[in-house]
Amino acid sequence: MRRMRGKPSARAGTRPLPSDLLDDYLPLIRTAVARAASRRAAPFQDDIAQVVAAAVWRQLERGVSIEQPASYVYKAVVRETVRALRREQRRGEVPLDGEDPEVMAGDTSTQATLDQRQLGEIVHACVNALAEERARAVRGHLEGFDVAELMALYGWTYQRARNLVARGMADLRAALRKRGVEP
């Protein structure tokens, strides 16, 4: 696959502006979103395209040449589609902070309701048993916040936020396994 070049810049001999280069990527992003986003993600296609375009913009602003743009864009679209679906799914699942856990939308059986409540209580107890900062990182991660948002929210460095999420999630999985729940 060829590298994207962008439009010629205003002055000869200068690098094209990231905005000029981004124009080359937009049709590719729209095509990838249309192909990769499932029917469930259809309402989020514009949001997904915007996040991917922002990611491409950041790469171009840094002066990074994207050697295989189709592959890069497709992977970014898939990643963001998964994130969007997870965020939407979490909205219908048992909240970690609430006293009265709700059942996932669409599941009306009594046993499923009971199972979801019990699972929510177990997850809530396991998260509360984590070290304070790990628990905050895990709650944020489970609510759909990414590392950059956690950094801004809690004033952590990138490395600290990333490590707290990774280690907190590992601790949560281990605690759930001890209670007989396979994550």
Protein backbone atom coordinates (compact mmCIF):
# COMPACT_ATOMS: atom_id res chain seq x y z
CA MET A 1 0.00 0.00 0.00
CA ARG A 2 1.32 3.44 -0.80
CA ARG A 3 2.04 6.08 1.81
CA MET A 4 -0.36 9.00 1.93
CA ARG A 5 1.22 12.19 0.68
CA GLY A 6 -1.23 14.98 1.22
CA LYS A 7 -1.70 18.12 -0.80
CA PRO A 8 1.23 20.35 -1.61
CA SER A 9 1.82 22.93 1.06
CA ALA A 10 1.64 26.65 0.47
CA ARG A 11 5.41 27.04 0.32
CA ALA A 12 7.58 24.81 -1.82
CA GLY A 13 10.06 22.73 0.15
CA THR A 14 8.02 22.64 3.37
CA ARG A 15 6.21 19.73 4.89
CA PRO A 16 2.49 19.51 4.21
CA LEU A 17 0.29 20.53 7.10
CA PRO A 18 -1.32 17.73 9.16
CA SER A 19 -4.73 19.03 8.08
CA ASP A 20 -3.77 18.60 4.41
CA LEU A 21 -2.52 15.08 5.10
CA LEU A 22 -5.63 14.23 7.11
CA ASP A 23 -7.80 15.01 4.07
CA ASP A 24 -6.18 12.02 2.35
CA TYR A 25 -7.12 9.73 5.23
CA LEU A 26 -10.78 10.72 5.66
CA PRO A 27 -12.20 8.58 2.82
CA LEU A 28 -10.16 5.63 4.09
CA ILE A 29 -11.47 6.18 7.63
CA ARG A 30 -15.10 6.40 6.44
CA THR A 31 -14.72 3.19 4.40
CA ALA A 32 -13.09 1.32 7.28
CA VAL A 33 -15.81 2.43 9.72
CA ALA A 34 -18.56 1.37 7.32
CA ARG A 35 -16.97 -2.07 6.92
CA ALA A 36 -15.79 -2.75 10.46
CA ALA A 37 -18.57 -1.29 12.58
CA SER A 38 -21.27 -3.85 13.13
CA ARG A 39 -25.00 -3.16 13.12
CA ARG A 40 -24.82 -2.65 16.89
CA ALA A 41 -22.19 0.05 16.35
CA ALA A 42 -24.12 1.84 13.59
CA PRO A 43 -25.29 4.65 15.91
CA PHE A 44 -21.66 5.33 16.83
CA GLN A 45 -20.10 5.40 13.36
CA ASP A 46 -19.62 9.17 13.30
CA ASP A 47 -18.07 9.11 16.78
CA ILE A 48 -15.77 6.25 15.81
CA ALA A 49 -14.67 8.06 12.65
CA GLN A 50 -14.00 11.22 14.65
CA VAL A 51 -11.85 9.42 17.24
CA VAL A 52 -9.88 7.62 14.54
CA ALA A 53 -9.38 10.88 12.61
CA ALA A 54 -8.09 12.47 15.83
CA ALA A 55 -5.65 9.58 16.32
CA VAL A 56 -4.39 9.95 12.75
CA TRP A 57 -4.13 13.73 13.26
CA ARG A 58 -1.98 13.22 16.38
CA GLN A 59 0.35 10.89 14.47
CA LEU A 60 0.66 13.33 11.59
CA GLU A 61 1.21 16.27 13.94
CA ARG A 62 4.13 14.40 15.48
CA GLY A 63 5.57 13.96 12.02
CA VAL A 64 5.09 10.19 12.09
CA SER A 65 4.78 8.67 8.64
CA ILE A 66 2.09 6.00 8.58
CA GLU A 67 3.68 3.34 6.39
CA GLN A 68 0.56 1.19 5.93
CA PRO A 69 -2.39 3.56 6.27
CA ALA A 70 -5.12 1.02 5.49
CA SER A 71 -3.87 -1.35 8.17
CA TYR A 72 -3.35 1.45 10.70
CA VAL A 73 -6.80 2.93 10.11
CA TYR A 74 -8.56 -0.43 10.14
CA LYS A 75 -6.94 -1.44 13.44
CA ALA A 76 -7.84 1.94 14.95
CA VAL A 77 -11.44 1.59 13.75
CA VAL A 78 -11.78 -1.91 15.19
CA ARG A 79 -10.25 -0.80 18.50
CA GLU A 80 -12.56 2.20 18.77
CA THR A 81 -15.60 0.17 17.72
CA VAL A 82 -14.91 -2.31 20.51
CA ARG A 83 -14.51 0.55 22.99
CA ALA A 84 -17.78 2.16 21.87
CA LEU A 85 -19.67 -1.11 22.19
CA ARG A 86 -18.18 -1.77 25.62
CA ARG A 87 -19.16 1.70 26.81
CA GLU A 88 -22.69 1.18 25.53
CA GLN A 89 -22.91 -2.27 27.07
CA ARG A 90 -21.75 -0.96 30.44
CA ARG A 91 -24.56 1.57 30.43
CA GLY A 92 -27.01 -1.30 30.58
CA GLU A 93 -25.06 -3.42 33.05
CA VAL A 94 -24.71 -3.44 36.81
CA PRO A 95 -23.11 -0.19 38.00
CA LEU A 96 -20.20 -0.52 40.43
CA ASP A 97 -21.20 2.44 42.58
CA GLY A 98 -24.96 1.94 42.88
CA GLU A 99 -26.69 0.39 45.86
CA ASP A 100 -29.35 -1.18 43.66
CA PRO A 101 -27.66 -3.00 40.74
CA GLU A 102 -29.66 -2.99 37.54
CA VAL A 103 -30.02 -5.89 35.17
CA MET A 104 -28.72 -5.81 31.61
CA ALA A 105 -31.31 -4.42 29.23
CA GLY A 106 -33.39 -7.01 27.43
CA ASP A 107 -32.92 -9.83 29.96
CA THR A 108 -36.15 -10.29 31.89
CA SER A 109 -35.91 -13.73 33.48
CA THR A 110 -35.92 -13.86 37.27
CA GLN A 111 -32.89 -16.18 37.43
CA ALA A 112 -30.90 -13.91 35.12
CA THR A 113 -31.84 -10.94 37.29
CA LEU A 114 -30.65 -12.74 40.40
CA ASP A 115 -27.44 -13.89 38.69
CA GLN A 116 -26.66 -10.35 37.51
CA ARG A 117 -27.24 -8.91 40.96
CA GLN A 118 -25.03 -11.51 42.58
CA LEU A 119 -22.30 -10.96 40.00
CA GLY A 120 -22.55 -7.19 40.50
CA GLU A 121 -22.23 -7.61 44.26
CA ILE A 122 -19.19 -9.87 43.84
CA VAL A 123 -17.48 -7.47 41.44
CA HIS A 124 -18.31 -4.53 43.71
CA ALA A 125 -16.85 -6.33 46.74
CA CYS A 126 -13.71 -7.33 44.82
CA VAL A 127 -13.12 -3.78 43.56
CA ASN A 128 -13.63 -2.38 47.07
CA ALA A 129 -11.01 -4.83 48.38
CA LEU A 130 -8.34 -3.42 46.05
CA ALA A 131 -5.82 -0.79 47.15
CA GLU A 132 -7.46 2.65 46.99
CA GLU A 133 -5.71 3.97 43.87
CA ARG A 134 -6.03 0.67 42.02
CA ALA A 135 -9.73 0.59 42.88
CA ARG A 136 -10.19 4.12 41.48
CA ALA A 137 -8.30 3.16 38.31
CA VAL A 138 -10.35 -0.03 37.89
CA ARG A 139 -13.66 1.76 38.45
CA GLY A 140 -12.72 4.35 35.85
CA HIS A 141 -11.59 1.68 33.41
CA LEU A 142 -14.79 -0.33 33.88
CA GLU A 143 -16.83 2.83 33.31
CA GLY A 144 -15.11 3.30 29.95
CA PHE A 145 -12.49 5.94 30.76
CA ASP A 146 -9.23 5.56 28.87
CA VAL A 147 -5.77 6.19 30.33
CA ALA A 148 -5.66 9.83 29.16
CA GLU A 149 -8.99 10.56 30.85
CA LEU A 150 -7.82 8.90 34.08
CA MET A 151 -4.63 10.98 33.94
CA ALA A 152 -6.63 14.19 33.69
CA LEU A 153 -9.16 13.11 36.30
CA TYR A 154 -6.69 12.06 38.99
CA GLY A 155 -3.54 13.97 38.05
CA TRP A 156 -1.55 10.79 37.37
CA THR A 157 1.27 10.43 34.88
CA TYR A 158 0.66 8.22 31.87
CA GLN A 159 2.80 5.42 33.24
CA ARG A 160 1.15 5.53 36.65
CA ALA A 161 -2.38 5.48 35.22
CA ARG A 162 -1.56 2.67 32.81
CA ASN A 163 0.11 0.58 35.54
CA LEU A 164 -2.71 1.16 38.04
CA VAL A 165 -5.28 0.01 35.50
CA ALA A 166 -3.26 -3.02 34.39
CA ARG A 167 -2.36 -4.16 37.89
CA GLY A 168 -5.78 -3.34 39.28
CA MET A 169 -7.51 -5.35 36.57
CA ALA A 170 -5.12 -8.27 37.16
CA ASP A 171 -5.92 -8.10 40.89
CA LEU A 172 -9.65 -7.96 40.12
CA ARG A 173 -9.45 -11.01 37.84
CA ALA A 174 -7.53 -12.92 40.52
CA ALA A 175 -10.06 -11.96 43.21
CA LEU A 176 -12.95 -13.01 40.98
CA ARG A 177 -11.30 -16.37 40.30
CA LYS A 178 -10.89 -16.93 44.05
CA ARG A 179 -14.64 -16.45 44.37
CA GLY A 180 -15.34 -18.90 41.58
CA VAL A 181 -16.13 -16.34 38.90
CA GLU A 182 -14.21 -16.77 35.65
CA PRO A 183 -13.71 -13.31 34.10
